[in-house]
C-alpha atoms as a PDB file:
ATOM      1  CA  MET A   1     -73.226  37.088  36.611  1.00  0.00           C
ATOM      2  CA  ASP A   2     -75.919  38.552  34.865  1.00  0.00           C
ATOM      3  CA  GLU A   3     -74.110  38.272  31.673  1.00  0.00           C
ATOM      4  CA  MET A   4     -73.338  34.664  32.108  1.00  0.00           C
ATOM      5  CA  LYS A   5     -77.017  33.944  33.069  1.00  0.00           C
ATOM      6  CA  THR A   6     -78.101  35.435  29.839  1.00  0.00           C
ATOM      7  CA  ILE A   7     -75.847  33.274  27.797  1.00  0.00           C
ATOM      8  CA  LYS A   8     -76.989  30.076  29.737  1.00  0.00           C
ATOM      9  CA  GLU A   9     -80.570  31.081  29.138  1.00  0.00           C
ATOM     10  CA  TYR A  10     -79.914  31.605  25.399  1.00  0.00           C
ATOM     11  CA  VAL A  11     -78.237  28.163  25.081  1.00  0.00           C
ATOM     12  CA  ASN A  12     -80.704  26.298  27.157  1.00  0.00           C
ATOM     13  CA  THR A  13     -83.839  27.307  25.087  1.00  0.00           C
ATOM     14  CA  GLY A  14     -87.000  25.015  25.151  1.00  0.00           C
ATOM     15  CA  ASP A  15     -86.615  23.620  21.654  1.00  0.00           C
ATOM     16  CA  GLY A  16     -82.916  23.418  21.529  1.00  0.00           C
ATOM     17  CA  THR A  17     -82.932  25.515  18.265  1.00  0.00           C
ATOM     18  CA  ALA A  18     -80.708  28.422  19.505  1.00  0.00           C
ATOM     19  CA  GLY A  19     -78.287  25.905  20.894  1.00  0.00           C
ATOM     20  CA  THR A  20     -77.681  24.161  17.748  1.00  0.00           C
ATOM     21  CA  LEU A  21     -76.263  27.280  16.263  1.00  0.00           C
ATOM     22  CA  LEU A  22     -73.166  26.863  18.596  1.00  0.00           C
ATOM     23  CA  ILE A  23     -72.620  23.459  17.235  1.00  0.00           C
ATOM     24  CA  PRO A  24     -70.264  23.054  14.274  1.00  0.00           C
ATOM     25  CA  ARG A  25     -71.624  21.152  11.171  1.00  0.00           C
ATOM     26  CA  VAL A  26     -69.760  19.597   8.392  1.00  0.00           C
ATOM     27  CA  ILE A  27     -71.549  18.688   5.183  1.00  0.00           C
ATOM     28  CA  LEU A  28     -69.588  15.726   3.702  1.00  0.00           C
ATOM     29  CA  PRO A  29     -68.999  15.884  -0.031  1.00  0.00           C
ATOM     30  CA  THR A  30     -69.914  12.290  -0.324  1.00  0.00           C
ATOM     31  CA  LEU A  31     -73.170  10.972  -1.666  1.00  0.00           C
ATOM     32  CA  ILE A  32     -74.505   7.730  -0.134  1.00  0.00           C
ATOM     33  CA  ASP A  33     -75.528   5.515  -3.037  1.00  0.00           C
ATOM     34  CA  GLU A  34     -78.722   3.490  -3.082  1.00  0.00           C
ATOM     35  CA  ALA A  35     -78.521  -0.429  -2.785  1.00  0.00           C
ATOM     36  CA  GLU A  36     -77.778  -2.142  -6.081  1.00  0.00           C
ATOM     37  CA  LYS A  37     -80.531  -4.685  -6.872  1.00  0.00           C
ATOM     38  CA  ALA A  38     -79.893  -8.171  -7.675  1.00  0.00           C
ATOM     39  CA  LEU A  39     -80.743  -8.914 -11.455  1.00  0.00           C
ATOM     40  CA  ILE A  40     -81.222 -11.894 -13.612  1.00  0.00           C
ATOM     41  CA  PRO A  41     -78.036 -11.982 -15.454  1.00  0.00           C
ATOM     42  CA  ARG A  42     -78.150 -11.997 -19.493  1.00  0.00           C
ATOM     43  CA  GLU A  43     -76.326 -15.302 -19.564  1.00  0.00           C
ATOM     44  CA  LEU A  44     -79.389 -16.975 -18.666  1.00  0.00           C
ATOM     45  CA  ALA A  45     -81.136 -16.209 -21.895  1.00  0.00           C
ATOM     46  CA  ALA A  46     -80.826 -18.619 -24.626  1.00  0.00           C
ATOM     47  CA  MET A  47     -79.869 -15.756 -26.983  1.00  0.00           C
ATOM     48  CA  VAL A  48     -79.241 -12.081 -26.853  1.00  0.00           C
ATOM     49  CA  LEU A  49     -79.887 -10.426 -30.150  1.00  0.00           C
ATOM     50  CA  GLY A  50     -78.238  -6.897 -30.982  1.00  0.00           C
ATOM     51  CA  PRO A  51     -79.295  -4.316 -33.467  1.00  0.00           C
ATOM     52  CA  ALA A  52     -77.298  -5.694 -36.174  1.00  0.00           C
ATOM     53  CA  GLN A  53     -79.150  -9.020 -36.135  1.00  0.00           C
ATOM     54  CA  ILE A  54     -82.606  -7.488 -36.283  1.00  0.00           C
ATOM     55  CA  ALA A  55     -83.063  -6.220 -39.684  1.00  0.00           C
ATOM     56  CA  GLY A  56     -86.605  -4.883 -39.287  1.00  0.00           C
ATOM     57  CA  PRO A  57     -88.912  -3.635 -36.251  1.00  0.00           C
ATOM     58  CA  THR A  58     -89.329  -7.282 -35.278  1.00  0.00           C
ATOM     59  CA  ALA A  59     -87.289 -10.307 -34.778  1.00  0.00           C
ATOM     60  CA  VAL A  60     -88.503 -13.587 -36.114  1.00  0.00           C
ATOM     61  CA  PHE A  61     -87.554 -16.935 -34.584  1.00  0.00           C
ATOM     62  CA  ASN A  62     -88.096 -20.208 -36.497  1.00  0.00           C
ATOM     63  CA  LEU A  63     -88.704 -23.064 -34.261  1.00  0.00           C
ATOM     64  CA  LEU A  64     -88.640 -26.823 -35.085  1.00  0.00           C
ATOM     65  CA  ASN A  65     -91.921 -28.509 -33.788  1.00  0.00           C
ATOM     66  CA  ALA A  66     -90.811 -31.300 -31.271  1.00  0.00           C
ATOM     67  CA  ASN A  67     -91.543 -35.010 -32.151  1.00  0.00           C
ATOM     68  CA  THR A  68     -92.588 -34.422 -35.671  1.00  0.00           C
ATOM     69  CA  MET A  69     -91.606 -36.910 -38.202  1.00  0.00           C
ATOM     70  CA  ASP A  70     -91.773 -40.570 -37.469  1.00  0.00           C
ATOM     71  CA  ILE A  71     -90.061 -43.653 -38.824  1.00  0.00           C
ATOM     72  CA  ARG A  72     -91.788 -46.909 -39.351  1.00  0.00           C
ATOM     73  CA  VAL A  73     -91.324 -50.488 -40.233  1.00  0.00           C
ATOM     74  CA  VAL A  74     -91.188 -51.024 -43.957  1.00  0.00           C
ATOM     75  CA  GLY A  75     -91.973 -54.468 -45.413  1.00  0.00           C
ATOM     76  CA  GLU A  76     -89.690 -55.831 -48.248  1.00  0.00           C
ATOM     77  CA  GLY A  77     -90.916 -54.187 -51.585  1.00  0.00           C
ATOM     78  CA  ALA A  78     -93.240 -51.992 -49.899  1.00  0.00           C
ATOM     79  CA  GLU A  79     -93.434 -48.134 -50.385  1.00  0.00           C
ATOM     80  CA  ILE A  80     -91.248 -46.238 -47.944  1.00  0.00           C
ATOM     81  CA  PRO A  81     -93.810 -43.911 -46.077  1.00  0.00           C
ATOM     82  CA  MET A  82     -93.373 -40.196 -46.374  1.00  0.00           C
ATOM     83  CA  ASP A  83     -93.163 -37.912 -43.481  1.00  0.00           C
ATOM     84  CA  GLU A  84     -91.452 -34.624 -42.576  1.00  0.00           C
ATOM     85  CA  ALA A  85     -90.567 -32.378 -39.779  1.00  0.00           C
ATOM     86  CA  THR A  86     -92.846 -29.272 -39.244  1.00  0.00           C
ATOM     87  CA  PHE A  87     -91.834 -25.753 -38.003  1.00  0.00           C
ATOM     88  CA  THR A  88     -93.354 -22.775 -36.599  1.00  0.00           C
ATOM     89  CA  SER A  89     -92.228 -19.353 -35.576  1.00  0.00           C
ATOM     90  CA  THR A  90     -92.527 -16.619 -33.018  1.00  0.00           C
ATOM     91  CA  THR A  91     -91.935 -12.892 -33.233  1.00  0.00           C
ATOM     92  CA  VAL A  92     -90.953 -10.134 -30.707  1.00  0.00           C
ATOM     93  CA  THR A  93     -91.252  -6.441 -31.481  1.00  0.00           C
ATOM     94  CA  PRO A  94     -88.797  -4.390 -29.363  1.00  0.00           C
ATOM     95  CA  LEU A  95     -90.585  -1.515 -27.510  1.00  0.00           C
ATOM     96  CA  LYS A  96     -88.886   1.911 -26.953  1.00  0.00           C
ATOM     97  CA  TYR A  97     -88.267   2.755 -23.237  1.00  0.00           C
ATOM     98  CA  GLY A  98     -86.780   6.059 -22.308  1.00  0.00           C
ATOM     99  CA  VAL A  99     -86.261   8.925 -19.853  1.00  0.00           C
ATOM    100  CA  ALA A 100     -85.248  12.524 -20.128  1.00  0.00           C
ATOM    101  CA  ILE A 101     -83.095  14.286 -17.558  1.00  0.00           C
ATOM    102  CA  ARG A 102     -82.909  18.029 -17.279  1.00  0.00           C
ATOM    103  CA  ILE A 103     -80.528  19.799 -14.820  1.00  0.00           C
ATOM    104  CA  THR A 104     -80.671  23.762 -14.469  1.00  0.00           C
ATOM    105  CA  ARG A 105     -77.476  25.622 -14.646  1.00  0.00           C
ATOM    106  CA  GLU A 106     -77.998  26.703 -11.064  1.00  0.00           C
ATOM    107  CA  MET A 107     -78.076  23.168  -9.913  1.00  0.00           C
ATOM    108  CA  MET A 108     -74.937  22.543 -11.773  1.00  0.00           C
ATOM    109  CA  GLU A 109     -73.229  25.676 -10.073  1.00  0.00           C
ATOM    110  CA  ASP A 110     -74.297  25.194  -6.662  1.00  0.00           C
ATOM    111  CA  SER A 111     -74.585  21.267  -6.094  1.00  0.00           C
ATOM    112  CA  GLN A 112     -71.985  19.436  -4.111  1.00  0.00           C
ATOM    113  CA  PHE A 113     -72.172  16.547  -6.564  1.00  0.00           C
ATOM    114  CA  PRO A 114     -72.041  16.182 -10.385  1.00  0.00           C
ATOM    115  CA  MET A 115     -75.760  15.940 -10.677  1.00  0.00           C
ATOM    116  CA  LEU A 116     -76.052  15.098 -14.321  1.00  0.00           C
ATOM    117  CA  GLU A 117     -73.384  12.277 -14.193  1.00  0.00           C
ATOM    118  CA  TRP A 118     -75.357  10.843 -11.058  1.00  0.00           C
ATOM    119  CA  ASN A 119     -78.598  11.006 -12.797  1.00  0.00           C
ATOM    120  CA  LEU A 120     -77.167   9.153 -15.808  1.00  0.00           C
ATOM    121  CA  LYS A 121     -75.654   6.425 -13.419  1.00  0.00           C
ATOM    122  CA  VAL A 122     -79.275   5.884 -11.880  1.00  0.00           C
ATOM    123  CA  ALA A 123     -80.902   5.869 -15.192  1.00  0.00           C
ATOM    124  CA  GLY A 124     -78.624   3.131 -16.343  1.00  0.00           C
ATOM    125  CA  ARG A 125     -79.684   0.923 -13.390  1.00  0.00           C
ATOM    126  CA  ARG A 126     -83.377   1.735 -14.156  1.00  0.00           C
ATOM    127  CA  PHE A 127     -82.893   0.322 -17.778  1.00  0.00           C
ATOM    128  CA  ALA A 128     -81.371  -2.750 -16.252  1.00  0.00           C
ATOM    129  CA  GLU A 129     -84.200  -3.317 -13.803  1.00  0.00           C
ATOM    130  CA  ASN A 130     -86.599  -2.797 -16.494  1.00  0.00           C
ATOM    131  CA  GLU A 131     -84.937  -5.739 -18.430  1.00  0.00           C
ATOM    132  CA  ASN A 132     -85.350  -7.764 -15.244  1.00  0.00           C
ATOM    133  CA  SER A 133     -89.062  -7.107 -15.150  1.00  0.00           C
ATOM    134  CA  LEU A 134     -89.589  -7.951 -18.745  1.00  0.00           C
ATOM    135  CA  ILE A 135     -87.696 -11.493 -18.310  1.00  0.00           C
ATOM    136  CA  LEU A 136     -89.964 -12.257 -15.325  1.00  0.00           C
ATOM    137  CA  THR A 137     -93.103 -11.355 -17.339  1.00  0.00           C
ATOM    138  CA  CYS A 138     -91.876 -13.465 -20.131  1.00  0.00           C
ATOM    139  CA  LEU A 139     -91.262 -16.410 -17.754  1.00  0.00           C
ATOM    140  CA  ASP A 140     -94.997 -16.159 -16.559  1.00  0.00           C
ATOM    141  CA  GLY A 141     -95.829 -17.850 -19.927  1.00  0.00           C
ATOM    142  CA  VAL A 142     -94.144 -21.248 -19.309  1.00  0.00           C
ATOM    143  CA  THR A 143     -96.302 -24.252 -19.685  1.00  0.00           C
ATOM    144  CA  SER A 144     -95.947 -25.836 -16.425  1.00  0.00           C
ATOM    145  CA  THR A 145     -97.029 -24.433 -12.857  1.00  0.00           C
ATOM    146  CA  VAL A 146     -96.309 -26.024  -9.534  1.00  0.00           C
ATOM    147  CA  THR A 147     -98.554 -24.635  -6.834  1.00  0.00           C
ATOM    148  CA  GLY A 148     -96.895 -24.879  -3.403  1.00  0.00           C
ATOM    149  CA  GLY A 149     -98.114 -23.927  -0.026  1.00  0.00           C
ATOM    150  CA  ALA A 150     -97.332 -21.477   2.433  1.00  0.00           C
ATOM    151  CA  SER A 151     -93.461 -21.989   1.862  1.00  0.00           C
ATOM    152  CA  LEU A 152     -91.405 -23.301  -0.850  1.00  0.00           C
ATOM    153  CA  THR A 153     -90.410 -27.051  -0.407  1.00  0.00           C
ATOM    154  CA  VAL A 154     -87.872 -29.481  -1.875  1.00  0.00           C
ATOM    155  CA  ALA A 155     -90.833 -31.464  -3.163  1.00  0.00           C
ATOM    156  CA  ASN A 156     -92.144 -28.426  -5.366  1.00  0.00           C
ATOM    157  CA  ILE A 157     -88.510 -27.885  -6.693  1.00  0.00           C
ATOM    158  CA  ALA A 158     -88.262 -31.466  -7.584  1.00  0.00           C
ATOM    159  CA  GLU A 159     -91.623 -31.551  -9.179  1.00  0.00           C
ATOM    160  CA  ALA A 160     -90.614 -28.456 -11.288  1.00  0.00           C
ATOM    161  CA  VAL A 161     -87.471 -30.184 -12.529  1.00  0.00           C
ATOM    162  CA  MET A 162     -89.515 -33.194 -13.493  1.00  0.00           C
ATOM    163  CA  ASP A 163     -91.920 -31.018 -15.536  1.00  0.00           C
ATOM    164  CA  VAL A 164     -89.020 -29.553 -17.549  1.00  0.00           C
ATOM    165  CA  GLU A 165     -87.459 -32.923 -17.784  1.00  0.00           C
ATOM    166  CA  GLU A 166     -90.672 -34.560 -19.133  1.00  0.00           C
ATOM    167  CA  TYR A 167     -90.230 -32.469 -22.265  1.00  0.00           C
ATOM    168  CA  ASP A 168     -86.631 -33.536 -22.578  1.00  0.00           C
ATOM    169  CA  TYR A 169     -84.961 -30.406 -21.438  1.00  0.00           C
ATOM    170  CA  ALA A 170     -82.485 -29.935 -18.625  1.00  0.00           C
ATOM    171  CA  ALA A 171     -83.215 -27.850 -15.696  1.00  0.00           C
ATOM    172  CA  THR A 172     -80.127 -25.567 -15.389  1.00  0.00           C
ATOM    173  CA  ASP A 173     -81.299 -22.723 -13.348  1.00  0.00           C
ATOM    174  CA  ILE A 174     -83.723 -21.657 -10.760  1.00  0.00           C
ATOM    175  CA  VAL A 175     -84.420 -17.842 -10.554  1.00  0.00           C
ATOM    176  CA  ILE A 176     -86.153 -17.081  -7.235  1.00  0.00           C
ATOM    177  CA  GLY A 177     -87.678 -14.109  -5.412  1.00  0.00           C
ATOM    178  CA  ASN A 178     -86.865 -13.113  -1.816  1.00  0.00           C
ATOM    179  CA  GLU A 179     -89.618 -14.734   0.241  1.00  0.00           C
ATOM    180  CA  ALA A 180     -89.062 -18.220  -1.829  1.00  0.00           C
ATOM    181  CA  LEU A 181     -85.378 -17.820  -1.355  1.00  0.00           C
ATOM    182  CA  ASN A 182     -85.808 -17.392   2.463  1.00  0.00           C
ATOM    183  CA  ASP A 183     -87.947 -20.755   2.533  1.00  0.00           C
ATOM    184  CA  LEU A 184     -85.108 -22.384   0.733  1.00  0.00           C
ATOM    185  CA  ARG A 185     -82.654 -20.982   3.072  1.00  0.00           C
ATOM    186  CA  ASN A 186     -84.503 -22.755   5.795  1.00  0.00           C
ATOM    187  CA  ILE A 187     -84.237 -26.096   4.172  1.00  0.00           C
ATOM    188  CA  ASP A 188     -81.575 -28.492   5.533  1.00  0.00           C
ATOM    189  CA  VAL A 189     -81.143 -30.168   2.092  1.00  0.00           C
ATOM    190  CA  PHE A 190     -79.926 -26.665   0.514  1.00  0.00           C
ATOM    191  CA  ILE A 191     -77.961 -25.717   3.642  1.00  0.00           C
ATOM    192  CA  GLU A 192     -76.043 -29.017   3.622  1.00  0.00           C
ATOM    193  CA  ALA A 193     -75.393 -28.862  -0.182  1.00  0.00           C
ATOM    194  CA  GLN A 194     -73.746 -25.510   0.238  1.00  0.00           C
ATOM    195  CA  LYS A 195     -71.477 -26.757   2.952  1.00  0.00           C
ATOM    196  CA  ARG A 196     -70.203 -29.546   0.777  1.00  0.00           C
ATOM    197  CA  GLY A 197     -69.900 -27.521  -2.468  1.00  0.00           C
ATOM    198  CA  ASN A 198     -67.378 -24.937  -3.671  1.00  0.00           C
ATOM    199  CA  ALA A 199     -68.582 -21.463  -2.714  1.00  0.00           C
ATOM    200  CA  ASP A 200     -66.168 -19.593  -4.839  1.00  0.00           C
ATOM    201  CA  PHE A 201     -68.613 -19.028  -7.611  1.00  0.00           C
ATOM    202  CA  LEU A 202     -71.290 -17.319  -5.287  1.00  0.00           C
ATOM    203  CA  SER A 203     -72.082 -13.771  -6.089  1.00  0.00           C
ATOM    204  CA  ARG A 204     -74.855 -11.305  -5.522  1.00  0.00           C
ATOM    205  CA  ASN A 205     -77.082 -13.145  -7.904  1.00  0.00           C
ATOM    206  CA  ILE A 206     -76.002 -16.777  -7.732  1.00  0.00           C
ATOM    207  CA  VAL A 207     -76.504 -17.848  -3.924  1.00  0.00           C
ATOM    208  CA  GLY A 208     -75.928 -21.583  -4.217  1.00  0.00           C
ATOM    209  CA  SER A 209     -77.177 -24.728  -6.039  1.00  0.00           C
ATOM    210  CA  ILE A 210     -79.886 -27.392  -5.661  1.00  0.00           C
ATOM    211  CA  PHE A 211     -80.279 -30.581  -7.820  1.00  0.00           C
ATOM    212  CA  GLY A 212     -77.350 -29.249 -10.013  1.00  0.00           C
ATOM    213  CA  MET A 213     -79.133 -26.005 -10.754  1.00  0.00           C
ATOM    214  CA  ASN A 214     -77.679 -22.499 -10.163  1.00  0.00           C
ATOM    215  CA  VAL A 215     -79.926 -20.778  -7.701  1.00  0.00           C
ATOM    216  CA  VAL A 216     -80.226 -17.292  -8.760  1.00  0.00           C
ATOM    217  CA  ARG A 217     -81.919 -14.500  -6.665  1.00  0.00           C
ATOM    218  CA  PHE A 218     -83.793 -11.376  -8.080  1.00  0.00           C
ATOM    219  CA  SER A 219     -84.773  -8.365  -6.348  1.00  0.00           C
ATOM    220  CA  THR A 220     -88.744  -7.916  -5.876  1.00  0.00           C
ATOM    221  CA  ASN A 221     -88.032  -4.462  -6.111  1.00  0.00           C
ATOM    222  CA  ALA A 222     -87.015  -4.951  -9.865  1.00  0.00           C
ATOM    223  CA  ALA A 223     -90.018  -7.167 -10.529  1.00  0.00           C
ATOM    224  CA  PRO A 224     -93.338  -6.335 -12.105  1.00  0.00           C
ATOM    225  CA  SER A 225     -94.963  -6.414  -8.688  1.00  0.00           C
ATOM    226  CA  SER A 226     -94.506  -7.374  -4.906  1.00  0.00           C
ATOM    227  CA  THR A 227     -96.017 -10.905  -5.401  1.00  0.00           C
ATOM    228  CA  TYR A 228     -92.922 -12.102  -7.432  1.00  0.00           C
ATOM    229  CA  SER A 229     -91.140 -12.345  -3.928  1.00  0.00           C
ATOM    230  CA  LYS A 230     -92.969 -15.738  -3.626  1.00  0.00           C
ATOM    231  CA  TYR A 231     -92.109 -16.888  -7.293  1.00  0.00           C
ATOM    232  CA  ALA A 232     -89.439 -19.054  -8.614  1.00  0.00           C
ATOM    233  CA  TYR A 233     -88.847 -20.396 -12.117  1.00  0.00           C
ATOM    234  CA  VAL A 234     -87.005 -23.598 -13.199  1.00  0.00           C
ATOM    235  CA  PHE A 235     -85.832 -23.656 -16.611  1.00  0.00           C
ATOM    236  CA  ASP A 236     -83.395 -24.650 -19.303  1.00  0.00           C
ATOM    237  CA  ARG A 237     -81.202 -21.645 -20.216  1.00  0.00           C
ATOM    238  CA  SER A 238     -80.379 -23.043 -23.599  1.00  0.00           C
ATOM    239  CA  ALA A 239     -83.983 -22.959 -24.883  1.00  0.00           C
ATOM    240  CA  THR A 240     -86.403 -20.839 -22.763  1.00  0.00           C
ATOM    241  CA  TYR A 241     -86.274 -17.095 -23.807  1.00  0.00           C
ATOM    242  CA  CYS A 242     -84.441 -14.510 -25.920  1.00  0.00           C
ATOM    243  CA  ILE A 243     -83.584 -11.014 -25.345  1.00  0.00           C
ATOM    244  CA  ALA A 244     -83.893  -8.890 -28.521  1.00  0.00           C
ATOM    245  CA  ILE A 245     -82.384  -5.419 -28.576  1.00  0.00           C
ATOM    246  CA  LYS A 246     -83.026  -3.263 -31.572  1.00  0.00           C
ATOM    247  CA  ARG A 247     -81.422  -0.261 -29.986  1.00  0.00           C
ATOM    248  CA  ASP A 248     -79.026  -0.587 -26.987  1.00  0.00           C
ATOM    249  CA  MET A 249     -79.279   1.994 -24.302  1.00  0.00           C
ATOM    250  CA  SER A 250     -78.289   5.264 -25.939  1.00  0.00           C
ATOM    251  CA  VAL A 251     -77.678   8.764 -24.543  1.00  0.00           C
ATOM    252  CA  GLU A 252     -78.274  12.088 -26.485  1.00  0.00           C
ATOM    253  CA  ASN A 253     -77.213  15.196 -24.617  1.00  0.00           C
ATOM    254  CA  PHE A 254     -78.887  18.563 -25.257  1.00  0.00           C
ATOM    255  CA  ILE A 255     -78.818  22.172 -24.134  1.00  0.00           C
ATOM    256  CA  LEU A 256     -81.840  24.350 -23.621  1.00  0.00           C
ATOM    257  CA  PRO A 257     -80.439  28.015 -23.479  1.00  0.00           C
ATOM    258  CA  THR A 258     -83.948  29.555 -23.173  1.00  0.00           C
ATOM    259  CA  TYR A 259     -84.507  27.776 -19.944  1.00  0.00           C
ATOM    260  CA  ASP A 260     -80.829  27.802 -18.800  1.00  0.00           C
ATOM    261  CA  MET A 261     -80.767  23.977 -18.677  1.00  0.00           C
ATOM    262  CA  GLN A 262     -78.853  21.061 -20.024  1.00  0.00           C
ATOM    263  CA  GLY A 263     -79.636  17.356 -19.955  1.00  0.00           C
ATOM    264  CA  SER A 264     -79.687  13.985 -21.649  1.00  0.00           C
ATOM    265  CA  CYS A 265     -82.402  11.744 -23.138  1.00  0.00           C
ATOM    266  CA  LEU A 266     -81.790   8.098 -22.739  1.00  0.00           C
ATOM    267  CA  THR A 267     -83.686   5.469 -24.683  1.00  0.00           C
ATOM    268  CA  GLN A 268     -83.655   1.742 -25.454  1.00  0.00           C
ATOM    269  CA  ARG A 269     -85.559  -0.633 -27.692  1.00  0.00           C
ATOM    270  CA  ILE A 270     -85.894  -3.991 -26.065  1.00  0.00           C
ATOM    271  CA  GLY A 271     -87.990  -7.083 -25.882  1.00  0.00           C
ATOM    272  CA  VAL A 272     -88.006 -10.519 -24.592  1.00  0.00           C
ATOM    273  CA  VAL A 273     -89.638 -13.456 -26.001  1.00  0.00           C
ATOM    274  CA  LEU A 274     -90.469 -16.989 -24.751  1.00  0.00           C
ATOM    275  CA  LEU A 275     -88.946 -19.588 -27.235  1.00  0.00           C
ATOM    276  CA  ARG A 276     -89.766 -22.890 -25.680  1.00  0.00           C
ATOM    277  CA  ALA A 277     -92.787 -22.552 -23.145  1.00  0.00           C
ATOM    278  CA  ASN A 278     -92.378 -26.250 -22.221  1.00  0.00           C
ATOM    279  CA  ALA A 279     -88.548 -25.715 -21.228  1.00  0.00           C
ATOM    280  CA  GLY A 280     -89.591 -23.959 -18.011  1.00  0.00           C
ATOM    281  CA  THR A 281     -91.803 -24.236 -14.917  1.00  0.00           C
ATOM    282  CA  GLN A 282     -93.186 -21.613 -12.473  1.00  0.00           C
ATOM    283  CA  ILE A 283     -93.360 -22.274  -8.806  1.00  0.00           C
ATOM    284  CA  ILE A 284     -95.917 -20.134  -6.961  1.00  0.00           C
ATOM    285  CA  THR A 285     -96.284 -20.028  -3.160  1.00  0.00           C
ATOM    286  CA  SER A 286     -98.968 -18.458  -1.041  1.00  0.00           C
END
């Protein structure tokens, strides 16, 4: 009895620490991944230039100025008036972004997971999220802004569409932050439109349509700041912005024998430029 009492007292310690020693534990060889963020897809850009299309450190875009050149009534025998279209240009200099990953040999030997491979996978996501942030920063430069109230309304979206159409562009897409999207999801007009439409095209990014535009969600966690959760952008994808990639994401592996380490350097040279500022409208809610 004394022996059994001793065992019982040992198991039922005040903090339970000793008791846990009797409970078998299994460490599963599975790493639970992070949530994948919703990002603005590249097909919404008017152009995506690769390294072969950018000769020097900058990319130059020539733009025809809208509504230049007039035709006039010409009287019989009168001189035909001269006029011509005018042009302008805009440039973008892709900046270099990068990260270096270093893993010790002990980490490689002792870890249950392929540490370097997982770090490379996460780094690839961060480059994609950085591109998303650059696009949103670029879209901040659009000409028109619709200032909404505490929540996004159909009237706000209709006004943004009108602002785009006033410059003869077509509103093809609306990219939207989480809070603004929540407002939209509580609007009957949006909900009823999804019931009547074909939902086969819906994905993690494209969450519906309104006024003929794709509604494309972006994660606030992949935006320049949390305030973008209240933002939305209506624009014509054929004319608004361009992505210029001087160096696509590249990986250089290395070994540091004196530190007993190995790793990889990942870099990318990328820039996003606004082509037609009046082809888009920003909607801001408070």
